[in-house]
């Protein structure tokens, strides 16, 4: 399996933290030298390991923002 290259462009915020120190975060990440996208996933405390996550484009993030703003939370 080929290595996946990533560059963390910006850490936007922590959504939660596990008892083992892993954090679920919203970040802006460039995968394999491509344009940076928004990303939600769990990260180890050293940022060297990650869990499965969700990567979304700017347009998808705008739609998600509109959806979240419309929720009665």
PDB file of N, CA and C in Angstrom:
ATOM      1  N   UNK A   1       0.846  -1.181   0.000  1.00  0.00           N
ATOM      2  CA  UNK A   1       0.000   0.000   0.000  1.00  0.00           C
ATOM      3  C   UNK A   1       0.890   1.242   0.000  1.00  0.00           C
ATOM      4  N   UNK A   2       0.559   2.191  -0.852  1.00  0.00           N
ATOM      5  CA  UNK A   2       1.367   3.403  -0.988  1.00  0.00           C
ATOM      6  C   UNK A   2       1.207   4.296   0.240  1.00  0.00           C
ATOM      7  N   UNK A   3       2.282   4.990   0.569  1.00  0.00           N
ATOM      8  CA  UNK A   3       2.219   5.951   1.672  1.00  0.00           C
ATOM      9  C   UNK A   3       1.341   7.134   1.272  1.00  0.00           C
ATOM     10  N   UNK A   4       0.608   7.625   2.244  1.00  0.00           N
ATOM     11  CA  UNK A   4      -0.219   8.803   2.029  1.00  0.00           C
ATOM     12  C   UNK A   4       0.520   9.997   2.605  1.00  0.00           C
ATOM     13  N   UNK A   5       0.732  10.993   1.769  1.00  0.00           N
ATOM     14  CA  UNK A   5       1.423  12.197   2.196  1.00  0.00           C
ATOM     15  C   UNK A   5       0.387  13.235   2.600  1.00  0.00           C
ATOM     16  N   UNK A   6       0.622  13.887   3.729  1.00  0.00           N
ATOM     17  CA  UNK A   6      -0.296  14.941   4.147  1.00  0.00           C
ATOM     18  C   UNK A   6       0.472  16.071   4.796  1.00  0.00           C
ATOM     19  N   UNK A   7      -0.110  17.260   4.693  1.00  0.00           N
ATOM     20  CA  UNK A   7       0.455  18.431   5.343  1.00  0.00           C
ATOM     21  C   UNK A   7      -0.677  19.155   6.066  1.00  0.00           C
ATOM     22  N   UNK A   8      -0.520  19.308   7.375  1.00  0.00           N
ATOM     23  CA  UNK A   8      -1.511  20.018   8.170  1.00  0.00           C
ATOM     24  C   UNK A   8      -1.305  21.511   7.930  1.00  0.00           C
ATOM     25  N   UNK A   9      -2.272  22.141   7.280  1.00  0.00           N
ATOM     26  CA  UNK A   9      -2.182  23.562   6.976  1.00  0.00           C
ATOM     27  C   UNK A   9      -2.656  24.406   8.160  1.00  0.00           C
ATOM     28  N   UNK A  10      -3.722  23.916   8.831  1.00  0.00           N
ATOM     29  CA  UNK A  10      -4.263  24.679   9.950  1.00  0.00           C
ATOM     30  C   UNK A  10      -5.097  23.769  10.848  1.00  0.00           C
ATOM     31  N   UNK A  11      -4.896  23.900  12.154  1.00  0.00           N
ATOM     32  CA  UNK A  11      -5.732  23.212  13.133  1.00  0.00           C
ATOM     33  C   UNK A  11      -6.833  24.181  13.536  1.00  0.00           C
ATOM     34  N   UNK A  12      -8.068  23.872  13.157  1.00  0.00           N
ATOM     35  CA  UNK A  12      -9.180  24.808  13.340  1.00  0.00           C
ATOM     36  C   UNK A  12      -9.902  24.636  14.676  1.00  0.00           C
ATOM     37  N   UNK A  13      -9.869  23.439  15.250  1.00  0.00           N
ATOM     38  CA  UNK A  13     -10.522  23.258  16.538  1.00  0.00           C
ATOM     39  C   UNK A  13     -10.660  21.801  16.937  1.00  0.00           C
ATOM     40  N   UNK A  14     -10.736  21.583  18.246  1.00  0.00           N
ATOM     41  CA  UNK A  14     -10.905  20.248  18.822  1.00  0.00           C
ATOM     42  C   UNK A  14     -12.380  20.039  19.133  1.00  0.00           C
ATOM     43  N   UNK A  15     -12.936  18.924  18.666  1.00  0.00           N
ATOM     44  CA  UNK A  15     -14.335  18.586  18.928  1.00  0.00           C
ATOM     45  C   UNK A  15     -14.479  17.747  20.189  1.00  0.00           C
ATOM     46  N   UNK A  16     -13.518  16.857  20.434  1.00  0.00           N
ATOM     47  CA  UNK A  16     -13.546  16.016  21.636  1.00  0.00           C
ATOM     48  C   UNK A  16     -12.166  15.412  21.857  1.00  0.00           C
ATOM     49  N   UNK A  17     -11.980  14.839  23.058  1.00  0.00           N
ATOM     50  CA  UNK A  17     -10.717  14.183  23.395  1.00  0.00           C
ATOM     51  C   UNK A  17     -11.025  12.879  24.122  1.00  0.00           C
ATOM     52  N   UNK A  18     -10.329  11.813  23.744  1.00  0.00           N
ATOM     53  CA  UNK A  18     -10.529  10.507  24.372  1.00  0.00           C
ATOM     54  C   UNK A  18      -9.674  10.394  25.633  1.00  0.00           C
ATOM     55  N   UNK A  19      -9.939   9.370  26.413  1.00  0.00           N
ATOM     56  CA  UNK A  19      -9.163   9.143  27.639  1.00  0.00           C
ATOM     57  C   UNK A  19      -7.707   8.801  27.335  1.00  0.00           C
ATOM     58  N   UNK A  20      -7.420   8.386  26.099  1.00  0.00           N
ATOM     59  CA  UNK A  20      -6.044   8.059  25.702  1.00  0.00           C
ATOM     60  C   UNK A  20      -5.320   9.245  25.071  1.00  0.00           C
ATOM     61  N   UNK A  21      -5.975  10.406  25.041  1.00  0.00           N
ATOM     62  CA  UNK A  21      -5.321  11.607  24.533  1.00  0.00           C
ATOM     63  C   UNK A  21      -5.557  11.898  23.065  1.00  0.00           C
ATOM     64  N   UNK A  22      -6.231  10.996  22.351  1.00  0.00           N
ATOM     65  CA  UNK A  22      -6.535  11.253  20.945  1.00  0.00           C
ATOM     66  C   UNK A  22      -7.598  12.343  20.868  1.00  0.00           C
ATOM     67  N   UNK A  23      -7.481  13.225  19.884  1.00  0.00           N
ATOM     68  CA  UNK A  23      -8.451  14.302  19.723  1.00  0.00           C
ATOM     69  C   UNK A  23      -9.144  14.199  18.369  1.00  0.00           C
ATOM     70  N   UNK A  24     -10.440  14.456  18.383  1.00  0.00           N
ATOM     71  CA  UNK A  24     -11.200  14.558  17.134  1.00  0.00           C
ATOM     72  C   UNK A  24     -11.196  16.033  16.785  1.00  0.00           C
ATOM     73  N   UNK A  25     -10.652  16.349  15.600  1.00  0.00           N
ATOM     74  CA  UNK A  25     -10.416  17.742  15.251  1.00  0.00           C
ATOM     75  C   UNK A  25     -10.898  18.095  13.852  1.00  0.00           C
ATOM     76  N   UNK A  26     -11.188  19.374  13.693  1.00  0.00           N
ATOM     77  CA  UNK A  26     -11.416  19.949  12.380  1.00  0.00           C
ATOM     78  C   UNK A  26     -10.109  20.611  11.971  1.00  0.00           C
ATOM     79  N   UNK A  27      -9.600  20.199  10.814  1.00  0.00           N
ATOM     80  CA  UNK A  27      -8.328  20.735  10.318  1.00  0.00           C
ATOM     81  C   UNK A  27      -8.432  21.033   8.840  1.00  0.00           C
ATOM     82  N   UNK A  28      -7.515  21.833   8.348  1.00  0.00           N
ATOM     83  CA  UNK A  28      -7.353  22.072   6.927  1.00  0.00           C
ATOM     84  C   UNK A  28      -6.090  21.310   6.524  1.00  0.00           C
ATOM     85  N   UNK A  29      -6.251  20.328   5.618  1.00  0.00           N
ATOM     86  CA  UNK A  29      -5.143  19.423   5.295  1.00  0.00           C
ATOM     87  C   UNK A  29      -4.989  19.276   3.783  1.00  0.00           C
ATOM     88  N   UNK A  30      -3.747  19.262   3.344  1.00  0.00           N
ATOM     89  CA  UNK A  30      -3.415  18.965   1.960  1.00  0.00           C
ATOM     90  C   UNK A  30      -2.999  17.492   1.893  1.00  0.00           C
ATOM     91  N   UNK A  31      -3.731  16.712   1.122  1.00  0.00           N
ATOM     92  CA  UNK A  31      -3.431  15.290   0.947  1.00  0.00           C
ATOM     93  C   UNK A  31      -2.700  15.093  -0.370  1.00  0.00           C
ATOM     94  N   UNK A  32      -1.562  14.425  -0.327  1.00  0.00           N
ATOM     95  CA  UNK A  32      -0.783  14.094  -1.523  1.00  0.00           C
ATOM     96  C   UNK A  32      -0.535  15.314  -2.423  1.00  0.00           C
ATOM     97  N   UNK A  33      -0.123  16.409  -1.806  1.00  0.00           N
ATOM     98  CA  UNK A  33       0.244  17.647  -2.508  1.00  0.00           C
ATOM     99  C   UNK A  33      -0.908  18.279  -3.286  1.00  0.00           C
ATOM    100  N   UNK A  34      -2.131  17.959  -2.907  1.00  0.00           N
ATOM    101  CA  UNK A  34      -3.294  18.563  -3.573  1.00  0.00           C
ATOM    102  C   UNK A  34      -3.778  19.762  -2.772  1.00  0.00           C
ATOM    103  N   UNK A  35      -4.772  20.451  -3.314  1.00  0.00           N
ATOM    104  CA  UNK A  35      -5.367  21.605  -2.641  1.00  0.00           C
ATOM    105  C   UNK A  35      -5.893  21.167  -1.266  1.00  0.00           C
ATOM    106  N   UNK A  36      -5.691  22.012  -0.277  1.00  0.00           N
ATOM    107  CA  UNK A  36      -6.128  21.700   1.083  1.00  0.00           C
ATOM    108  C   UNK A  36      -7.653  21.624   1.151  1.00  0.00           C
ATOM    109  N   UNK A  37      -8.138  20.675   1.978  1.00  0.00           N
ATOM    110  CA  UNK A  37      -9.567  20.499   2.206  1.00  0.00           C
ATOM    111  C   UNK A  37      -9.815  20.415   3.699  1.00  0.00           C
ATOM    112  N   UNK A  38     -11.070  20.624   4.071  1.00  0.00           N
ATOM    113  CA  UNK A  38     -11.458  20.489   5.473  1.00  0.00           C
ATOM    114  C   UNK A  38     -11.519  19.012   5.825  1.00  0.00           C
ATOM    115  N   UNK A  39     -11.137  18.697   7.047  1.00  0.00           N
ATOM    116  CA  UNK A  39     -10.990  17.301   7.446  1.00  0.00           C
ATOM    117  C   UNK A  39     -11.390  17.146   8.915  1.00  0.00           C
ATOM    118  N   UNK A  40     -12.214  16.139   9.195  1.00  0.00           N
ATOM    119  CA  UNK A  40     -12.578  15.801  10.569  1.00  0.00           C
ATOM    120  C   UNK A  40     -12.151  14.357  10.806  1.00  0.00           C
ATOM    121  N   UNK A  41     -11.281  14.151  11.800  1.00  0.00           N
ATOM    122  CA  UNK A  41     -10.840  12.803  12.157  1.00  0.00           C
ATOM    123  C   UNK A  41     -10.137  12.843  13.502  1.00  0.00           C
ATOM    124  N   UNK A  42      -9.852  11.658  14.034  1.00  0.00           N
ATOM    125  CA  UNK A  42      -9.111  11.554  15.292  1.00  0.00           C
ATOM    126  C   UNK A  42      -7.618  11.517  15.006  1.00  0.00           C
ATOM    127  N   UNK A  43      -6.867  12.198  15.888  1.00  0.00           N
ATOM    128  CA  UNK A  43      -5.419  12.275  15.780  1.00  0.00           C
ATOM    129  C   UNK A  43      -4.775  11.874  17.098  1.00  0.00           C
ATOM    130  N   UNK A  44      -3.634  11.201  16.994  1.00  0.00           N
ATOM    131  CA  UNK A  44      -2.868  10.863  18.194  1.00  0.00           C
ATOM    132  C   UNK A  44      -2.263  12.145  18.763  1.00  0.00           C
ATOM    133  N   UNK A  45      -1.855  12.122  20.022  1.00  0.00           N
ATOM    134  CA  UNK A  45      -1.269  13.328  20.629  1.00  0.00           C
ATOM    135  C   UNK A  45      -0.049  13.869  19.877  1.00  0.00           C
ATOM    136  N   UNK A  46       0.697  13.003  19.194  1.00  0.00           N
ATOM    137  CA  UNK A  46       1.899  13.424  18.466  1.00  0.00           C
ATOM    138  C   UNK A  46       1.612  13.782  17.011  1.00  0.00           C
ATOM    139  N   UNK A  47       0.363  13.670  16.585  1.00  0.00           N
ATOM    140  CA  UNK A  47      -0.037  13.922  15.189  1.00  0.00           C
ATOM    141  C   UNK A  47       0.631  12.981  14.196  1.00  0.00           C
ATOM    142  N   UNK A  48       1.108  11.825  14.662  1.00  0.00           N
ATOM    143  CA  UNK A  48       1.763  10.888  13.749  1.00  0.00           C
ATOM    144  C   UNK A  48       0.851   9.730  13.343  1.00  0.00           C
ATOM    145  N   UNK A  49      -0.294   9.579  14.014  1.00  0.00           N
ATOM    146  CA  UNK A  49      -1.269   8.538  13.689  1.00  0.00           C
ATOM    147  C   UNK A  49      -2.637   9.189  13.609  1.00  0.00           C
ATOM    148  N   UNK A  50      -3.479   8.603  12.742  1.00  0.00           N
ATOM    149  CA  UNK A  50      -4.819   9.147  12.579  1.00  0.00           C
ATOM    150  C   UNK A  50      -5.829   8.033  12.398  1.00  0.00           C
ATOM    151  N   UNK A  51      -7.063   8.337  12.732  1.00  0.00           N
ATOM    152  CA  UNK A  51      -8.159   7.411  12.509  1.00  0.00           C
ATOM    153  C   UNK A  51      -8.848   7.727  11.194  1.00  0.00           C
ATOM    154  N   UNK A  52      -9.884   6.950  10.900  1.00  0.00           N
ATOM    155  CA  UNK A  52     -10.676   7.222   9.704  1.00  0.00           C
ATOM    156  C   UNK A  52     -11.398   8.541   9.892  1.00  0.00           C
ATOM    157  N   UNK A  53     -11.612   9.219   8.786  1.00  0.00           N
ATOM    158  CA  UNK A  53     -12.239  10.519   8.899  1.00  0.00           C
ATOM    159  C   UNK A  53     -13.019  10.904   7.674  1.00  0.00           C
ATOM    160  N   UNK A  54     -13.354  12.163   7.630  1.00  0.00           N
ATOM    161  CA  UNK A  54     -14.160  12.733   6.557  1.00  0.00           C
ATOM    162  C   UNK A  54     -13.440  13.953   6.016  1.00  0.00           C
ATOM    163  N   UNK A  55     -13.234  14.004   4.704  1.00  0.00           N
ATOM    164  CA  UNK A  55     -12.592  15.136   4.052  1.00  0.00           C
ATOM    165  C   UNK A  55     -13.612  15.773   3.124  1.00  0.00           C
ATOM    166  N   UNK A  56     -13.781  17.098   3.248  1.00  0.00           N
ATOM    167  CA  UNK A  56     -14.791  17.779   2.441  1.00  0.00           C
ATOM    168  C   UNK A  56     -14.223  19.050   1.813  1.00  0.00           C
ATOM    169  N   UNK A  57     -14.766  19.374   0.660  1.00  0.00           N
ATOM    170  CA  UNK A  57     -14.323  20.557  -0.080  1.00  0.00           C
ATOM    171  C   UNK A  57     -14.895  21.824   0.555  1.00  0.00           C
ATOM    172  N   UNK A  58     -14.448  22.962   0.055  1.00  0.00           N
ATOM    173  CA  UNK A  58     -14.955  24.251   0.540  1.00  0.00           C
ATOM    174  C   UNK A  58     -16.454  24.355   0.273  1.00  0.00           C
ATOM    175  N   UNK A  59     -16.898  23.967  -0.922  1.00  0.00           N
ATOM    176  CA  UNK A  59     -18.326  24.027  -1.242  1.00  0.00           C
ATOM    177  C   UNK A  59     -19.143  23.129  -0.323  1.00  0.00           C
ATOM    178  N   UNK A  60     -18.641  21.936  -0.042  1.00  0.00           N
ATOM    179  CA  UNK A  60     -19.337  21.033   0.874  1.00  0.00           C
ATOM    180  C   UNK A  60     -19.357  21.607   2.287  1.00  0.00           C
ATOM    181  N   UNK A  61     -18.287  22.262   2.691  1.00  0.00           N
ATOM    182  CA  UNK A  61     -18.232  22.874   4.021  1.00  0.00           C
ATOM    183  C   UNK A  61     -19.262  23.993   4.139  1.00  0.00           C
ATOM    184  N   UNK A  62     -19.425  24.779   3.088  1.00  0.00           N
ATOM    185  CA  UNK A  62     -20.428  25.844   3.091  1.00  0.00           C
ATOM    186  C   UNK A  62     -21.834  25.265   3.250  1.00  0.00           C
ATOM    187  N   UNK A  63     -22.115  24.168   2.537  1.00  0.00           N
ATOM    188  CA  UNK A  63     -23.431  23.526   2.647  1.00  0.00           C
ATOM    189  C   UNK A  63     -23.630  22.938   4.040  1.00  0.00           C
ATOM    190  N   UNK A  64     -22.576  22.328   4.586  1.00  0.00           N
ATOM    191  CA  UNK A  64     -22.656  21.776   5.942  1.00  0.00           C
ATOM    192  C   UNK A  64     -22.912  22.887   6.945  1.00  0.00           C
ATOM    193  N   UNK A  65     -22.246  24.007   6.796  1.00  0.00           N
ATOM    194  CA  UNK A  65     -22.453  25.160   7.693  1.00  0.00           C
ATOM    195  C   UNK A  65     -23.899  25.619   7.648  1.00  0.00           C
ATOM    196  N   UNK A  66     -24.467  25.723   6.437  1.00  0.00           N
ATOM    197  CA  UNK A  66     -25.865  26.120   6.304  1.00  0.00           C
ATOM    198  C   UNK A  66     -26.795  25.109   6.978  1.00  0.00           C
ATOM    199  N   UNK A  67     -26.521  23.836   6.801  1.00  0.00           N
ATOM    200  CA  UNK A  67     -27.330  22.795   7.432  1.00  0.00           C
ATOM    201  C   UNK A  67     -27.260  22.885   8.958  1.00  0.00           C
ATOM    202  N   UNK A  68     -26.062  23.051   9.477  1.00  0.00           N
ATOM    203  CA  UNK A  68     -25.888  23.138  10.936  1.00  0.00           C
ATOM    204  C   UNK A  68     -26.543  24.380  11.507  1.00  0.00           C
ATOM    205  N   UNK A  69     -26.435  25.499  10.787  1.00  0.00           N
ATOM    206  CA  UNK A  69     -27.074  26.741  11.250  1.00  0.00           C
ATOM    207  C   UNK A  69     -28.592  26.605  11.310  1.00  0.00           C
ATOM    208  N   UNK A  70     -29.160  25.725  10.478  1.00  0.00           N
ATOM    209  CA  UNK A  70     -30.601  25.531  10.442  1.00  0.00           C
ATOM    210  C   UNK A  70     -31.133  24.574  11.496  1.00  0.00           C
ATOM    211  N   UNK A  71     -30.230  23.886  12.216  1.00  0.00           N
ATOM    212  CA  UNK A  71     -30.658  22.926  13.229  1.00  0.00           C
ATOM    213  C   UNK A  71     -31.038  23.644  14.529  1.00  0.00           C
ATOM    214  N   UNK A  72     -32.031  23.105  15.189  1.00  0.00           N
ATOM    215  CA  UNK A  72     -32.422  23.629  16.508  1.00  0.00           C
ATOM    216  C   UNK A  72     -31.708  22.800  17.566  1.00  0.00           C
ATOM    217  N   UNK A  73     -30.518  23.224  17.932  1.00  0.00           N
ATOM    218  CA  UNK A  73     -29.723  22.481  18.914  1.00  0.00           C
ATOM    219  C   UNK A  73     -29.843  23.111  20.291  1.00  0.00           C
TER     220      UNK A  73
END
